[in-house]
Amino acid sequence: MIYFTKEGTWNLNIKRYKEKKYFNLVIAIVVAYVLIKVIDNYAYFFGAITKLIAIISPFIYAFIIAYILNPIMKLFEKRFKLKRGVSILLTYLLIVGIITITSIYLIPKISNSIIDIIKNTPYFAEETQKWINHLISNSRLSDVLNSSTLSSFKFDDILAKISNVSMSFLNSMLSKTISFTSSFIKWVFGFLIAIYILYDKEKIINWFKKMCYLVFKEKLSVKILSLVKNLHNMVGAYVGTKAIDSAIIGVMALIGLSIIGSSYALLIAVIVAITNMIPYFGPFIGMVTAFIINVFFSPIKAMGSLIFLLILQQFDAWYLDPKLIGGKVGLSPFLVIFAVTLGGGLYGPIGMVLFVPIIAVVKVYLDKFIKNHKEKVGDSSQL
């Protein structure tokens, strides 16, 4: 707006208006030029971002490790009234002890079991071929196959494809093992850096809050911090409790499978414990794995392992899981299956575990939004 209060004011306002207009134009041109350069050289910029993430990855790992170890450290601090430094020391001694025992006793046995299964793969394929040939040689089954659309299937080709898929899976596992070995040093550095994060966690949290209030408005900052707090509470409560539940189920599976005389009982128990972290689908993966491994050695043991793990899964679903987790997530079975499917499709097994509490938090905010919307609609309908 232009005022004519004094002589010369009109010219001054016009000058300022022109300077502001040209300044905004220059800014727009510079921003457009930068965006065009970024688009033209997107591979370089994305490569630089990837390189930056690779450089700071030990710090990312450190925050993940510190987040996992924080509940143990808090337990020592609050329950035993210990100082921060002593609590961190005891936490690290406990974790290092668990890793050492696992490395000495469990990992060699699990590795030997996996190597033995790989060596026996030709035997498994041969036994499967014999079983298929025996089925095909049955006169009644042959008549059914010849008189149906199943006659177009070539079981030899199917078996060959299964063998190729198995070999591809083993090669993929080998490449992932090599990749994990190459990043092992970064995890070690992250493990050490996590000590300083745990020691100064309050300062880091306060710094994050201050930066949030500096960058965003107060109202938005409160919402962001509330969201982070809800995610922390939900993810921490669910994943931590589910890990305890899966560890108990894994130990019970090891004891039961050992009594049954299952082959590779330790390996199967570890698979059962890990897959039990995935709701609904996970337990069935463990049961099918146990059945397939044992069926080549003893069909009776295979059926016994399957029935035992099915009973164990029912015990977990109806008693142990509700006792430990209860209504902490508050999702219907449909939403849990949706979260597992979505998370698995986007981020694999880790996504299957993490998306359940994340979807639970999203549901909380959606419920609040719908409730507020209904109240507003109710208020407006009374006018």
Protein backbone atom coordinates (compact mmCIF):
# COMPACT_ATOMS: atom_id res chain seq x y z
CA MET A 1 0.00 0.00 0.00
CA ILE A 2 1.26 3.56 -0.88
CA TYR A 3 0.77 6.57 1.36
CA PHE A 4 0.96 10.31 0.37
CA THR A 5 1.56 11.80 3.83
CA LYS A 6 4.66 13.81 3.04
CA GLU A 7 6.52 14.98 0.01
CA GLY A 8 8.83 12.31 -1.34
CA THR A 9 7.10 9.46 0.46
CA TRP A 10 5.50 8.16 -2.72
CA ASN A 11 8.85 7.91 -4.52
CA LEU A 12 10.45 6.17 -1.51
CA ASN A 13 7.67 3.56 -1.28
CA ILE A 14 7.85 2.93 -5.01
CA LYS A 15 11.62 2.43 -4.73
CA ARG A 16 11.25 -0.04 -1.86
CA TYR A 17 8.51 -1.87 -3.73
CA LYS A 18 10.71 -2.20 -6.82
CA GLU A 19 13.71 -3.36 -4.74
CA LYS A 20 11.58 -5.98 -2.97
CA LYS A 21 10.08 -7.15 -6.24
CA TYR A 22 13.47 -7.49 -7.91
CA PHE A 23 14.92 -9.17 -4.82
CA ASN A 24 12.15 -11.80 -4.82
CA LEU A 25 12.69 -12.30 -8.55
CA VAL A 26 16.42 -12.89 -8.04
CA ILE A 27 15.70 -15.38 -5.23
CA ALA A 28 13.20 -17.23 -7.45
CA ILE A 29 15.73 -17.43 -10.30
CA VAL A 30 18.46 -18.73 -7.99
CA VAL A 31 16.16 -21.36 -6.47
CA ALA A 32 14.96 -22.44 -9.91
CA TYR A 33 18.55 -22.69 -11.16
CA VAL A 34 19.57 -24.82 -8.15
CA LEU A 35 16.56 -27.11 -8.63
CA ILE A 36 17.35 -27.55 -12.33
CA LYS A 37 20.96 -28.43 -11.49
CA VAL A 38 19.81 -30.92 -8.86
CA ILE A 39 17.41 -32.57 -11.34
CA ASP A 40 20.07 -32.69 -14.08
CA ASN A 41 22.65 -34.19 -11.71
CA TYR A 42 20.33 -36.24 -9.50
CA ALA A 43 22.66 -39.27 -9.63
CA TYR A 44 25.54 -37.22 -8.22
CA PHE A 45 23.44 -35.66 -5.45
CA PHE A 46 21.83 -38.95 -4.46
CA GLY A 47 25.26 -40.56 -4.55
CA ALA A 48 26.53 -37.83 -2.23
CA ILE A 49 23.61 -38.43 0.16
CA THR A 50 24.30 -42.19 0.10
CA LYS A 51 27.97 -41.54 0.77
CA LEU A 52 27.10 -39.20 3.65
CA ILE A 53 24.80 -41.84 5.18
CA ALA A 54 27.57 -44.43 4.84
CA ILE A 55 29.99 -42.10 6.66
CA ILE A 56 27.63 -41.35 9.56
CA SER A 57 26.25 -44.91 9.70
CA PRO A 58 28.22 -45.74 12.91
CA PHE A 59 26.37 -42.89 14.64
CA ILE A 60 23.03 -44.19 13.30
CA TYR A 61 23.90 -47.65 14.63
CA ALA A 62 24.95 -46.03 17.91
CA PHE A 63 21.53 -44.42 18.38
CA ILE A 64 19.81 -47.75 17.57
CA ILE A 65 22.03 -49.63 20.05
CA ALA A 66 21.56 -46.96 22.72
CA TYR A 67 17.78 -47.13 22.25
CA ILE A 68 17.86 -50.92 22.71
CA LEU A 69 20.17 -50.81 25.76
CA ASN A 70 18.42 -47.89 27.46
CA PRO A 71 15.75 -50.03 29.26
CA ILE A 72 18.46 -52.28 30.75
CA MET A 73 20.45 -49.26 31.92
CA LYS A 74 17.31 -47.70 33.44
CA LEU A 75 16.63 -50.98 35.26
CA PHE A 76 20.04 -50.85 36.95
CA GLU A 77 19.62 -47.13 37.69
CA LYS A 78 16.13 -47.20 39.21
CA ARG A 79 15.88 -50.69 40.70
CA PHE A 80 19.37 -50.84 42.24
CA LYS A 81 19.85 -47.07 42.73
CA LEU A 82 23.18 -47.07 40.85
CA LYS A 83 24.94 -44.14 39.20
CA ARG A 84 24.82 -43.66 35.43
CA GLY A 85 28.40 -44.79 34.79
CA VAL A 86 28.04 -47.98 36.86
CA SER A 87 24.71 -48.78 35.20
CA ILE A 88 26.25 -48.42 31.73
CA LEU A 89 29.20 -50.61 32.75
CA LEU A 90 26.92 -53.38 34.08
CA THR A 91 24.72 -53.12 30.97
CA TYR A 92 27.70 -53.57 28.66
CA LEU A 93 29.11 -56.42 30.76
CA LEU A 94 25.74 -58.19 30.55
CA ILE A 95 25.45 -57.71 26.78
CA VAL A 96 29.06 -58.70 26.11
CA GLY A 97 28.55 -61.80 28.28
CA ILE A 98 25.44 -62.81 26.32
CA ILE A 99 27.24 -62.23 23.00
CA THR A 100 30.26 -64.26 24.19
CA ILE A 101 28.16 -67.20 25.38
CA THR A 102 26.15 -67.11 22.16
CA SER A 103 29.31 -66.99 20.03
CA ILE A 104 30.95 -69.87 21.89
CA TYR A 105 28.04 -72.26 22.33
CA LEU A 106 25.16 -71.39 20.03
CA ILE A 107 26.55 -69.91 16.81
CA PRO A 108 28.96 -72.82 16.02
CA LYS A 109 26.15 -75.37 16.50
CA ILE A 110 23.72 -73.35 14.40
CA SER A 111 26.38 -72.85 11.69
CA ASN A 112 27.16 -76.58 11.65
CA SER A 113 23.45 -77.35 11.31
CA ILE A 114 23.10 -74.97 8.36
CA ILE A 115 26.22 -76.39 6.67
CA ASP A 116 24.92 -79.92 7.24
CA ILE A 117 21.56 -79.04 5.68
CA ILE A 118 23.34 -77.54 2.65
CA LYS A 119 25.43 -80.69 2.27
CA ASN A 120 22.29 -82.85 2.48
CA THR A 121 20.41 -80.80 -0.12
CA PRO A 122 21.15 -83.35 -2.93
CA TYR A 123 19.85 -86.11 -0.64
CA PHE A 124 16.68 -84.12 0.08
CA ALA A 125 16.16 -83.54 -3.65
CA GLU A 126 16.69 -87.24 -4.40
CA GLU A 127 14.22 -88.29 -1.69
CA THR A 128 11.68 -85.79 -3.00
CA GLN A 129 12.13 -87.19 -6.52
CA LYS A 130 11.59 -90.75 -5.24
CA TRP A 131 8.46 -89.65 -3.39
CA ILE A 132 7.04 -87.97 -6.50
CA ASN A 133 7.88 -91.00 -8.65
CA HIS A 134 6.18 -93.26 -6.13
CA LEU A 135 3.05 -91.12 -6.25
CA ILE A 136 3.04 -91.04 -10.04
CA SER A 137 3.50 -94.83 -10.23
CA ASN A 138 0.25 -95.29 -8.32
CA SER A 139 -2.30 -96.47 -10.90
CA ARG A 140 -5.26 -94.61 -9.44
CA LEU A 141 -3.30 -91.38 -9.11
CA SER A 142 -2.02 -91.76 -12.68
CA ASP A 143 -5.59 -92.04 -13.96
CA VAL A 144 -6.56 -88.91 -12.04
CA LEU A 145 -3.56 -87.00 -13.37
CA ASN A 146 -4.13 -88.13 -16.96
CA SER A 147 -7.82 -87.30 -16.85
CA SER A 148 -7.35 -83.81 -15.42
CA THR A 149 -5.56 -80.60 -16.20
CA LEU A 150 -2.75 -81.75 -13.88
CA SER A 151 -1.41 -83.88 -16.74
CA SER A 152 0.07 -80.72 -18.29
CA PHE A 153 2.33 -80.21 -15.28
CA LYS A 154 5.85 -81.56 -15.45
CA PHE A 155 6.96 -82.51 -11.98
CA ASP A 156 10.59 -82.86 -13.04
CA ASP A 157 10.60 -79.25 -14.22
CA ILE A 158 8.94 -78.15 -10.96
CA LEU A 159 11.58 -80.00 -8.93
CA ALA A 160 14.34 -78.42 -11.01
CA LYS A 161 12.88 -74.98 -10.42
CA ILE A 162 12.65 -75.66 -6.68
CA SER A 163 16.32 -76.68 -6.68
CA ASN A 164 17.26 -73.50 -8.57
CA VAL A 165 15.29 -71.36 -6.11
CA SER A 166 17.01 -73.11 -3.21
CA MET A 167 20.45 -72.49 -4.69
CA SER A 168 19.57 -68.84 -5.36
CA PHE A 169 18.42 -68.49 -1.76
CA LEU A 170 21.67 -70.00 -0.46
CA ASN A 171 23.72 -67.68 -2.71
CA SER A 172 21.72 -64.72 -1.45
CA MET A 173 22.33 -65.78 2.14
CA LEU A 174 26.07 -66.05 1.42
CA SER A 175 26.23 -62.58 -0.13
CA LYS A 176 24.30 -61.11 2.80
CA THR A 177 26.69 -62.80 5.21
CA ILE A 178 29.64 -61.21 3.41
CA SER A 179 27.89 -57.83 3.44
CA PHE A 180 27.21 -58.15 7.17
CA THR A 181 30.86 -59.00 7.76
CA SER A 182 31.95 -55.87 5.91
CA SER A 183 29.69 -53.68 8.10
CA PHE A 184 30.70 -55.43 11.34
CA ILE A 185 33.35 -52.77 12.10
CA LYS A 186 30.73 -50.01 11.83
CA TRP A 187 28.53 -51.85 14.32
CA VAL A 188 31.50 -52.16 16.69
CA PHE A 189 32.10 -48.40 16.48
CA GLY A 190 28.39 -47.81 17.00
CA PHE A 191 28.50 -50.08 20.06
CA LEU A 192 31.27 -47.90 21.53
CA ILE A 193 29.68 -44.56 20.57
CA ALA A 194 26.41 -45.69 22.21
CA ILE A 195 28.17 -45.41 25.60
CA TYR A 196 28.40 -41.62 25.24
CA ILE A 197 24.82 -41.38 23.94
CA LEU A 198 23.52 -43.30 26.97
CA TYR A 199 25.60 -41.17 29.34
CA ASP A 200 24.32 -37.85 27.92
CA LYS A 201 20.88 -38.97 26.74
CA GLU A 202 19.03 -36.24 28.67
CA LYS A 203 21.21 -33.53 27.08
CA ILE A 204 20.63 -35.02 23.62
CA ILE A 205 16.85 -35.16 24.17
CA ASN A 206 16.78 -31.54 25.43
CA TRP A 207 18.87 -30.43 22.44
CA PHE A 208 16.40 -32.17 20.08
CA LYS A 209 13.47 -30.42 21.79
CA LYS A 210 15.18 -27.02 21.53
CA MET A 211 15.94 -27.55 17.84
CA CYS A 212 12.35 -28.59 17.26
CA TYR A 213 11.04 -25.39 18.84
CA LEU A 214 13.59 -23.30 16.90
CA VAL A 215 12.73 -24.81 13.51
CA PHE A 216 8.95 -25.18 13.90
CA LYS A 217 6.21 -23.17 15.55
CA GLU A 218 5.31 -23.96 19.15
CA LYS A 219 2.00 -25.65 18.33
CA LEU A 220 3.57 -27.86 15.66
CA SER A 221 6.55 -28.63 17.91
CA VAL A 222 4.23 -29.87 20.66
CA LYS A 223 2.51 -32.17 18.16
CA ILE A 224 5.82 -33.51 16.82
CA LEU A 225 7.18 -34.20 20.29
CA SER A 226 3.90 -35.86 21.30
CA LEU A 227 4.08 -38.08 18.20
CA VAL A 228 7.68 -39.06 18.95
CA LYS A 229 6.76 -39.84 22.57
CA ASN A 230 3.81 -42.02 21.51
CA LEU A 231 5.96 -43.88 18.98
CA HIS A 232 8.64 -44.42 21.62
CA ASN A 233 6.15 -45.76 24.15
CA MET A 234 4.35 -48.01 21.68
CA VAL A 235 7.40 -49.38 19.83
CA GLY A 236 9.39 -49.85 23.04
CA ALA A 237 6.54 -51.58 24.87
CA TYR A 238 5.58 -53.82 21.97
CA VAL A 239 8.99 -54.83 20.58
CA GLY A 240 10.59 -55.31 24.00
CA THR A 241 7.72 -57.40 25.37
CA LYS A 242 7.40 -59.37 22.13
CA ALA A 243 11.14 -60.15 22.29
CA ILE A 244 10.72 -61.57 25.82
CA ASP A 245 7.70 -63.58 24.64
CA SER A 246 9.64 -64.96 21.65
CA ALA A 247 12.65 -65.86 23.82
CA ILE A 248 10.39 -67.87 26.16
CA ILE A 249 8.74 -69.64 23.22
CA GLY A 250 12.17 -70.37 21.71
CA VAL A 251 13.41 -72.01 24.95
CA MET A 252 10.20 -74.04 25.27
CA ALA A 253 10.51 -75.09 21.61
CA LEU A 254 14.11 -76.24 22.16
CA ILE A 255 13.11 -78.33 25.20
CA GLY A 256 10.12 -79.88 23.46
CA LEU A 257 11.90 -80.61 20.17
CA SER A 258 14.82 -82.17 22.05
CA ILE A 259 12.42 -84.48 23.91
CA ILE A 260 10.74 -85.46 20.63
CA GLY A 261 14.16 -86.13 19.11
CA SER A 262 13.79 -83.62 16.29
CA SER A 263 16.69 -83.16 13.90
CA TYR A 264 18.44 -79.78 14.17
CA ALA A 265 16.41 -78.92 17.30
CA LEU A 266 18.55 -75.88 18.18
CA LEU A 267 18.34 -74.40 14.67
CA ILE A 268 14.57 -74.94 14.52
CA ALA A 269 14.12 -73.41 17.99
CA VAL A 270 16.06 -70.29 16.92
CA ILE A 271 13.92 -70.03 13.77
CA VAL A 272 10.76 -70.42 15.88
CA ALA A 273 11.93 -67.69 18.31
CA ILE A 274 12.81 -65.24 15.52
CA THR A 275 9.71 -65.83 13.40
CA ASN A 276 7.50 -65.62 16.49
CA MET A 277 8.22 -61.86 16.46
CA ILE A 278 6.00 -61.65 13.36
CA PRO A 279 2.30 -61.76 14.38
CA TYR A 280 0.05 -64.46 12.90
CA PHE A 281 2.34 -65.52 10.03
CA GLY A 282 5.56 -66.04 12.00
CA PRO A 283 4.60 -69.13 14.04
CA PHE A 284 3.46 -70.98 10.91
CA ILE A 285 6.84 -70.32 9.26
CA GLY A 286 8.54 -72.06 12.20
CA MET A 287 6.10 -75.00 12.09
CA VAL A 288 6.49 -75.54 8.34
CA THR A 289 10.30 -75.32 8.62
CA ALA A 290 10.35 -77.92 11.41
CA PHE A 291 8.10 -80.27 9.42
CA ILE A 292 10.07 -79.98 6.16
CA ILE A 293 13.43 -80.55 7.86
CA ASN A 294 12.24 -83.58 9.85
CA VAL A 295 10.14 -85.26 7.16
CA PHE A 296 13.28 -86.43 5.31
CA PHE A 297 14.63 -88.17 8.42
CA SER A 298 11.47 -89.43 10.12
CA PRO A 299 7.85 -88.68 9.13
CA ILE A 300 6.76 -89.58 12.68
CA LYS A 301 9.15 -87.00 14.19
CA ALA A 302 8.00 -84.50 11.56
CA MET A 303 4.36 -84.92 12.58
CA GLY A 304 5.34 -84.86 16.27
CA SER A 305 7.29 -81.60 15.79
CA LEU A 306 4.41 -80.06 13.82
CA ILE A 307 1.80 -80.98 16.45
CA PHE A 308 4.03 -79.84 19.32
CA LEU A 309 4.75 -76.45 17.72
CA LEU A 310 1.05 -76.03 16.89
CA ILE A 311 0.17 -76.60 20.56
CA LEU A 312 2.97 -74.23 21.60
CA GLN A 313 1.64 -71.58 19.23
CA GLN A 314 -1.85 -71.92 20.72
CA PHE A 315 -0.38 -71.58 24.22
CA ASP A 316 1.41 -68.40 23.13
CA ALA A 317 -1.63 -66.95 21.36
CA TRP A 318 -4.16 -67.64 24.11
CA TYR A 319 -2.11 -67.32 27.30
CA LEU A 320 1.50 -66.05 27.14
CA ASP A 321 1.09 -63.27 24.57
CA PRO A 322 -2.02 -61.73 26.24
CA LYS A 323 -0.33 -61.97 29.65
CA LEU A 324 2.80 -60.11 28.50
CA ILE A 325 1.50 -57.76 25.80
CA GLY A 326 -2.19 -57.58 26.71
CA GLY A 327 -3.92 -54.58 25.13
CA LYS A 328 -0.78 -52.48 24.68
CA VAL A 329 -1.21 -52.39 20.90
CA GLY A 330 -4.99 -52.28 20.68
CA LEU A 331 -5.31 -53.41 17.07
CA SER A 332 -7.89 -55.76 15.60
CA PRO A 333 -6.63 -58.92 13.85
CA PHE A 334 -7.44 -57.34 10.48
CA LEU A 335 -5.26 -54.29 11.19
CA VAL A 336 -2.44 -56.47 12.55
CA ILE A 337 -2.47 -58.56 9.35
CA PHE A 338 -2.60 -55.35 7.28
CA ALA A 339 0.37 -53.92 9.22
CA VAL A 340 2.39 -57.12 8.80
CA THR A 341 1.63 -57.28 5.07
CA LEU A 342 2.42 -53.60 4.48
CA GLY A 343 5.59 -53.66 6.59
CA GLY A 344 6.81 -56.88 4.98
CA GLY A 345 6.22 -55.50 1.50
CA LEU A 346 8.13 -52.30 2.23
CA TYR A 347 10.93 -53.31 4.60
CA GLY A 348 10.91 -57.10 4.87
CA PRO A 349 10.93 -58.95 8.21
CA ILE A 350 11.91 -55.84 10.20
CA GLY A 351 8.95 -53.98 8.71
CA MET A 352 6.64 -56.85 9.72
CA VAL A 353 7.64 -56.35 13.36
CA LEU A 354 7.81 -52.54 13.52
CA PHE A 355 4.72 -51.68 11.48
CA VAL A 356 2.36 -53.20 14.07
CA PRO A 357 3.10 -50.55 16.77
CA ILE A 358 3.44 -47.84 14.10
CA ILE A 359 -0.02 -48.60 12.70
CA ALA A 360 -1.29 -48.65 16.30
CA VAL A 361 -0.04 -45.07 16.79
CA VAL A 362 -1.57 -44.02 13.47
CA LYS A 363 -4.88 -45.55 14.60
CA VAL A 364 -4.76 -43.53 17.86
CA TYR A 365 -4.42 -40.27 15.92
CA LEU A 366 -7.08 -41.28 13.40
CA ASP A 367 -9.49 -42.10 16.23
CA LYS A 368 -8.83 -38.68 17.78
CA PHE A 369 -9.36 -36.97 14.41
CA ILE A 370 -12.65 -38.82 13.81
CA LYS A 371 -13.84 -38.07 17.35
CA ASN A 372 -13.06 -34.34 16.99
CA HIS A 373 -14.69 -34.29 13.57
CA LYS A 374 -17.87 -35.89 14.97
CA GLU A 375 -17.97 -33.36 17.80
CA LYS A 376 -17.61 -30.48 15.32
CA VAL A 377 -20.33 -31.94 13.09
CA GLY A 378 -22.53 -32.37 16.17
CA ASP A 379 -21.96 -28.77 17.23
CA SER A 380 -22.69 -27.43 13.76
CA SER A 381 -25.87 -29.53 13.44
CA GLN A 382 -27.24 -27.86 16.58
CA LEU A 383 -26.92 -24.38 15.07
